[in-house]
């Protein structure tokens, strides 16, 4: 099961998804007569034909939107048009990302405030989609190179705090890749400027900090590595955190 928290502006909202082909929207309600609270299922999103692998709320400034990724190769975007009625989540768009038998494994929204809604989808290869206001449609604007073997396990779009470019990280089992994307001279486009590959044993998940300057990767044995770019733009491991105390003791000897 995967989950995503909604922005607090919309209350205490949680989205979950899993192998039952459904995504659910949950809301926390506090009982006025006690300090106890309970989570109530407000909506069930059942359009997927196969298991759902990922779910993520959009950044707050894009409105109350939710994206789900499915093993049927599609991303579906829902929007609560009336934030006071969380039982209604119309399907706003379906993005066909991969062919039959190739599923979506992960996705991540861009947090850029001054750009159209944009997200990266992971699976057989990373694809960047953007909502075009002129056509009122989601279109693929950039297809990134596939990993050397297997599927992408996780993607993370770095928060942009004023840089002229974007970073996207991709966890691919035995390596991390960091894509640097520049704004194209063509309107509403991005182009690949460079790719850095980091050999990382068991890179299963990745996540940026709130300023998009430090990347964390994790895998088995409870090891989290932190990566940061030097003055040349090359990412280096600056810290390694061991969650497994048994492994720490073994390395100490």
Protein backbone atom coordinates (compact mmCIF):
# COMPACT_ATOMS: atom_id res chain seq x y z
CA UNK A 1 0.00 0.00 0.00
CA UNK A 2 1.20 3.51 -0.87
CA UNK A 3 -0.04 6.75 0.65
CA UNK A 4 0.19 10.52 0.28
CA UNK A 5 -0.76 13.37 2.62
CA UNK A 6 -2.80 16.29 1.34
CA UNK A 7 -1.81 19.87 2.10
CA UNK A 8 -3.07 21.02 5.55
CA UNK A 9 -4.94 23.89 3.86
CA UNK A 10 -7.52 21.28 2.81
CA UNK A 11 -7.75 19.67 6.26
CA UNK A 12 -6.40 16.30 7.34
CA UNK A 13 -6.50 14.31 4.10
CA UNK A 14 -4.79 11.06 3.24
CA UNK A 15 -4.83 9.12 -0.05
CA UNK A 16 -4.03 5.41 -0.18
CA UNK A 17 -3.81 2.83 -2.95
CA UNK A 18 -2.89 -0.82 -3.38
CA UNK A 19 -3.51 -4.14 -5.07
CA UNK A 20 -7.31 -3.87 -4.85
CA UNK A 21 -7.37 -1.55 -7.93
CA UNK A 22 -8.71 1.34 -5.82
CA UNK A 23 -7.44 4.61 -4.46
CA UNK A 24 -9.21 5.93 -1.38
CA UNK A 25 -9.45 9.43 0.06
CA UNK A 26 -9.56 9.55 3.85
CA UNK A 27 -10.42 12.50 6.10
CA UNK A 28 -9.69 12.82 9.81
CA UNK A 29 -12.56 14.04 11.94
CA UNK A 30 -12.27 14.95 15.62
CA UNK A 31 -15.15 14.16 17.93
CA UNK A 32 -16.31 17.35 19.64
CA UNK A 33 -17.06 15.46 22.86
CA UNK A 34 -13.58 13.90 23.17
CA UNK A 35 -10.00 14.29 22.02
CA UNK A 36 -10.28 11.11 19.97
CA UNK A 37 -10.40 11.28 16.18
CA UNK A 38 -11.31 8.86 13.44
CA UNK A 39 -10.50 8.50 9.78
CA UNK A 40 -13.44 8.27 7.40
CA UNK A 41 -13.28 7.10 3.77
CA UNK A 42 -14.70 9.99 1.73
CA UNK A 43 -14.20 8.66 -1.81
CA UNK A 44 -13.15 5.56 -3.72
CA UNK A 45 -11.50 5.93 -7.13
CA UNK A 46 -12.07 2.74 -9.09
CA UNK A 47 -11.18 3.49 -12.72
CA UNK A 48 -7.98 1.41 -12.80
CA UNK A 49 -8.21 -2.06 -14.34
CA UNK A 50 -5.18 -3.33 -12.43
CA UNK A 51 -3.33 -2.78 -9.15
CA UNK A 52 -2.29 0.75 -8.25
CA UNK A 53 1.40 1.27 -7.49
CA UNK A 54 1.61 4.95 -6.50
CA UNK A 55 -0.50 7.92 -5.44
CA UNK A 56 0.45 11.55 -4.83
CA UNK A 57 -1.39 14.80 -4.15
CA UNK A 58 -0.41 17.74 -6.35
CA UNK A 59 1.29 20.80 -4.82
CA UNK A 60 -1.22 23.11 -3.12
CA UNK A 61 -1.04 25.90 -5.72
CA UNK A 62 -2.37 23.55 -8.41
CA UNK A 63 -5.57 22.94 -6.46
CA UNK A 64 -6.80 19.76 -4.83
CA UNK A 65 -5.58 17.26 -7.42
CA UNK A 66 -4.44 13.67 -7.08
CA UNK A 67 -2.42 11.46 -9.44
CA UNK A 68 -2.43 7.65 -9.33
CA UNK A 69 -0.18 5.25 -11.23
CA UNK A 70 -1.34 1.79 -12.26
CA UNK A 71 0.20 -1.45 -13.48
CA UNK A 72 -2.04 -1.07 -16.55
CA UNK A 73 0.48 1.54 -17.75
CA UNK A 74 -1.66 4.61 -17.02
CA UNK A 75 -1.61 7.65 -14.76
CA UNK A 76 -5.00 9.04 -13.80
CA UNK A 77 -5.47 12.57 -12.49
CA UNK A 78 -8.46 13.43 -10.33
CA UNK A 79 -9.60 16.82 -9.07
CA UNK A 80 -11.93 17.77 -6.24
CA UNK A 81 -13.65 20.68 -7.94
CA UNK A 82 -15.57 21.54 -4.76
CA UNK A 83 -13.17 21.26 -1.80
CA UNK A 84 -16.18 21.26 0.52
CA UNK A 85 -17.47 18.04 -1.09
CA UNK A 86 -14.72 15.45 -0.80
CA UNK A 87 -17.01 12.66 -1.96
CA UNK A 88 -16.73 13.89 -5.56
CA UNK A 89 -13.41 13.40 -7.38
CA UNK A 90 -14.06 13.58 -11.15
CA UNK A 91 -11.47 11.96 -13.39
CA UNK A 92 -9.77 14.92 -15.08
CA UNK A 93 -7.30 13.08 -17.33
CA UNK A 94 -5.85 9.67 -18.18
CA UNK A 95 -2.22 9.61 -19.33
CA UNK A 96 -1.26 6.47 -21.25
CA UNK A 97 2.41 6.16 -20.37
CA UNK A 98 3.44 2.65 -21.38
CA UNK A 99 2.20 -0.19 -23.54
CA UNK A 100 0.53 -3.42 -22.53
CA UNK A 101 2.44 -5.26 -19.82
CA UNK A 102 4.54 -2.23 -18.83
CA UNK A 103 3.24 -0.67 -15.64
CA UNK A 104 3.71 2.66 -13.91
CA UNK A 105 5.85 2.15 -10.81
CA UNK A 106 6.18 5.69 -9.42
CA UNK A 107 5.47 9.37 -10.08
CA UNK A 108 6.40 12.78 -8.73
CA UNK A 109 4.95 16.28 -9.21
CA UNK A 110 7.03 19.34 -9.98
CA UNK A 111 6.55 21.98 -7.28
CA UNK A 112 7.37 24.94 -9.55
CA UNK A 113 4.94 27.78 -8.86
CA UNK A 114 5.50 29.66 -12.10
CA UNK A 115 5.14 26.75 -14.50
CA UNK A 116 2.15 24.68 -15.62
CA UNK A 117 1.30 21.47 -13.71
CA UNK A 118 4.07 19.00 -14.55
CA UNK A 119 4.95 15.50 -13.34
CA UNK A 120 7.45 12.75 -14.04
CA UNK A 121 6.32 9.15 -14.37
CA UNK A 122 8.56 6.14 -13.78
CA UNK A 123 8.37 2.61 -15.17
CA UNK A 124 10.26 1.25 -18.16
CA UNK A 125 11.71 4.76 -18.58
CA UNK A 126 11.00 8.24 -17.16
CA UNK A 127 8.46 10.41 -18.99
CA UNK A 128 7.71 14.06 -18.19
CA UNK A 129 4.11 15.20 -18.75
CA UNK A 130 2.85 18.79 -18.68
CA UNK A 131 -0.61 20.30 -18.75
CA UNK A 132 -0.99 22.64 -21.72
CA UNK A 133 -3.45 25.43 -21.01
CA UNK A 134 -3.84 26.19 -24.72
CA UNK A 135 -5.20 22.72 -25.51
CA UNK A 136 -6.37 21.88 -21.98
CA UNK A 137 -4.62 18.55 -22.25
CA UNK A 138 -1.72 16.69 -20.65
CA UNK A 139 1.07 15.98 -23.14
CA UNK A 140 4.42 14.16 -22.89
CA UNK A 141 7.09 16.82 -23.32
CA UNK A 142 10.23 14.79 -22.57
CA UNK A 143 11.17 11.09 -22.63
CA UNK A 144 14.30 10.36 -20.60
CA UNK A 145 16.70 7.44 -21.25
CA UNK A 146 15.69 4.07 -19.76
CA UNK A 147 17.72 2.36 -17.02
CA UNK A 148 20.23 -0.27 -18.20
CA UNK A 149 18.11 -3.08 -16.75
CA UNK A 150 14.78 -3.49 -15.02
CA UNK A 151 12.22 -0.84 -14.18
CA UNK A 152 12.57 2.40 -12.28
CA UNK A 153 11.69 1.90 -8.62
CA UNK A 154 11.21 5.52 -7.56
CA UNK A 155 11.40 9.05 -8.95
CA UNK A 156 11.63 12.38 -7.13
CA UNK A 157 11.33 15.86 -8.62
CA UNK A 158 13.49 18.31 -6.68
CA UNK A 159 11.83 21.45 -5.29
CA UNK A 160 13.01 24.46 -7.26
CA UNK A 161 13.98 27.49 -5.18
CA UNK A 162 15.01 29.84 -7.96
CA UNK A 163 17.35 27.71 -10.08
CA UNK A 164 17.15 28.08 -13.85
CA UNK A 165 17.03 24.28 -14.17
CA UNK A 166 15.31 21.27 -12.59
CA UNK A 167 16.62 18.07 -11.01
CA UNK A 168 14.86 14.72 -11.21
CA UNK A 169 16.26 11.71 -9.32
CA UNK A 170 15.58 8.12 -10.37
CA UNK A 171 16.23 5.10 -8.10
CA UNK A 172 16.98 2.03 -10.23
CA UNK A 173 18.06 -0.78 -7.93
CA UNK A 174 21.85 -0.71 -8.32
CA UNK A 175 22.17 2.94 -9.25
CA UNK A 176 20.78 6.44 -8.91
CA UNK A 177 20.48 8.76 -11.85
CA UNK A 178 20.10 12.52 -11.53
CA UNK A 179 18.72 14.30 -14.58
CA UNK A 180 19.32 18.02 -15.01
CA UNK A 181 16.58 19.62 -17.09
CA UNK A 182 16.80 23.09 -18.61
CA UNK A 183 13.93 25.23 -19.86
CA UNK A 184 13.80 25.04 -23.63
CA UNK A 185 13.64 28.07 -25.89
CA UNK A 186 10.41 26.51 -27.13
CA UNK A 187 7.46 27.47 -24.95
CA UNK A 188 6.31 25.01 -22.29
CA UNK A 189 9.17 22.60 -22.99
CA UNK A 190 12.05 21.11 -21.02
CA UNK A 191 15.20 19.56 -22.41
CA UNK A 192 17.77 17.19 -20.92
CA UNK A 193 20.97 19.08 -20.13
CA UNK A 194 22.97 16.34 -18.39
CA UNK A 195 22.70 13.00 -16.57
CA UNK A 196 24.79 11.85 -13.61
CA UNK A 197 24.86 8.17 -12.65
CA UNK A 198 25.73 7.18 -9.09
CA UNK A 199 26.55 3.54 -8.32
CA UNK A 200 24.51 2.80 -5.20
CA UNK A 201 23.85 -0.74 -3.94
CA UNK A 202 20.11 -1.28 -3.44
CA UNK A 203 18.78 2.16 -4.37
CA UNK A 204 15.08 1.54 -3.89
CA UNK A 205 13.70 4.91 -2.82
CA UNK A 206 14.83 8.53 -3.18
CA UNK A 207 13.65 11.88 -1.83
CA UNK A 208 14.87 15.49 -1.93
CA UNK A 209 14.95 17.91 0.99
CA UNK A 210 12.63 20.94 0.96
CA UNK A 211 15.16 23.15 -0.86
CA UNK A 212 16.10 20.54 -3.48
CA UNK A 213 19.79 20.64 -2.51
CA UNK A 214 20.22 17.27 -0.76
CA UNK A 215 19.06 13.91 -2.10
CA UNK A 216 18.44 10.93 0.20
CA UNK A 217 18.47 7.35 -1.09
CA UNK A 218 17.57 4.19 0.78
CA UNK A 219 17.60 0.44 0.25
CA UNK A 220 18.01 -2.73 2.25
CA UNK A 221 19.94 -3.09 5.54
CA UNK A 222 18.51 0.19 6.81
CA UNK A 223 21.14 2.35 5.09
CA UNK A 224 20.27 5.91 4.01
CA UNK A 225 22.79 7.88 1.97
CA UNK A 226 22.71 11.66 1.55
CA UNK A 227 23.99 13.21 -1.69
CA UNK A 228 24.92 16.82 -2.40
CA UNK A 229 26.46 18.53 -5.42
CA UNK A 230 29.88 20.17 -5.26
CA UNK A 231 30.78 23.49 -6.87
CA UNK A 232 31.15 21.69 -10.23
CA UNK A 233 27.66 20.24 -10.00
CA UNK A 234 28.79 16.68 -9.31
CA UNK A 235 26.80 14.84 -6.65
CA UNK A 236 28.84 13.20 -3.87
CA UNK A 237 27.82 11.13 -0.86
CA UNK A 238 28.18 13.43 2.16
CA UNK A 239 26.67 11.19 4.83
CA UNK A 240 25.61 7.61 5.43
CA UNK A 241 23.04 6.75 8.08
CA UNK A 242 22.71 3.22 9.41
CA UNK A 243 19.27 2.30 10.69
CA UNK A 244 20.37 -1.28 11.32
CA UNK A 245 22.51 -1.26 14.49
CA UNK A 246 23.64 -4.83 13.78
CA UNK A 247 25.21 -3.66 10.51
CA UNK A 248 26.92 -0.74 12.31
CA UNK A 249 28.46 -3.10 14.84
CA UNK A 250 29.65 -5.45 12.11
CA UNK A 251 31.35 -2.64 10.18
CA UNK A 252 32.95 -1.34 13.38
CA UNK A 253 34.78 -4.66 13.74
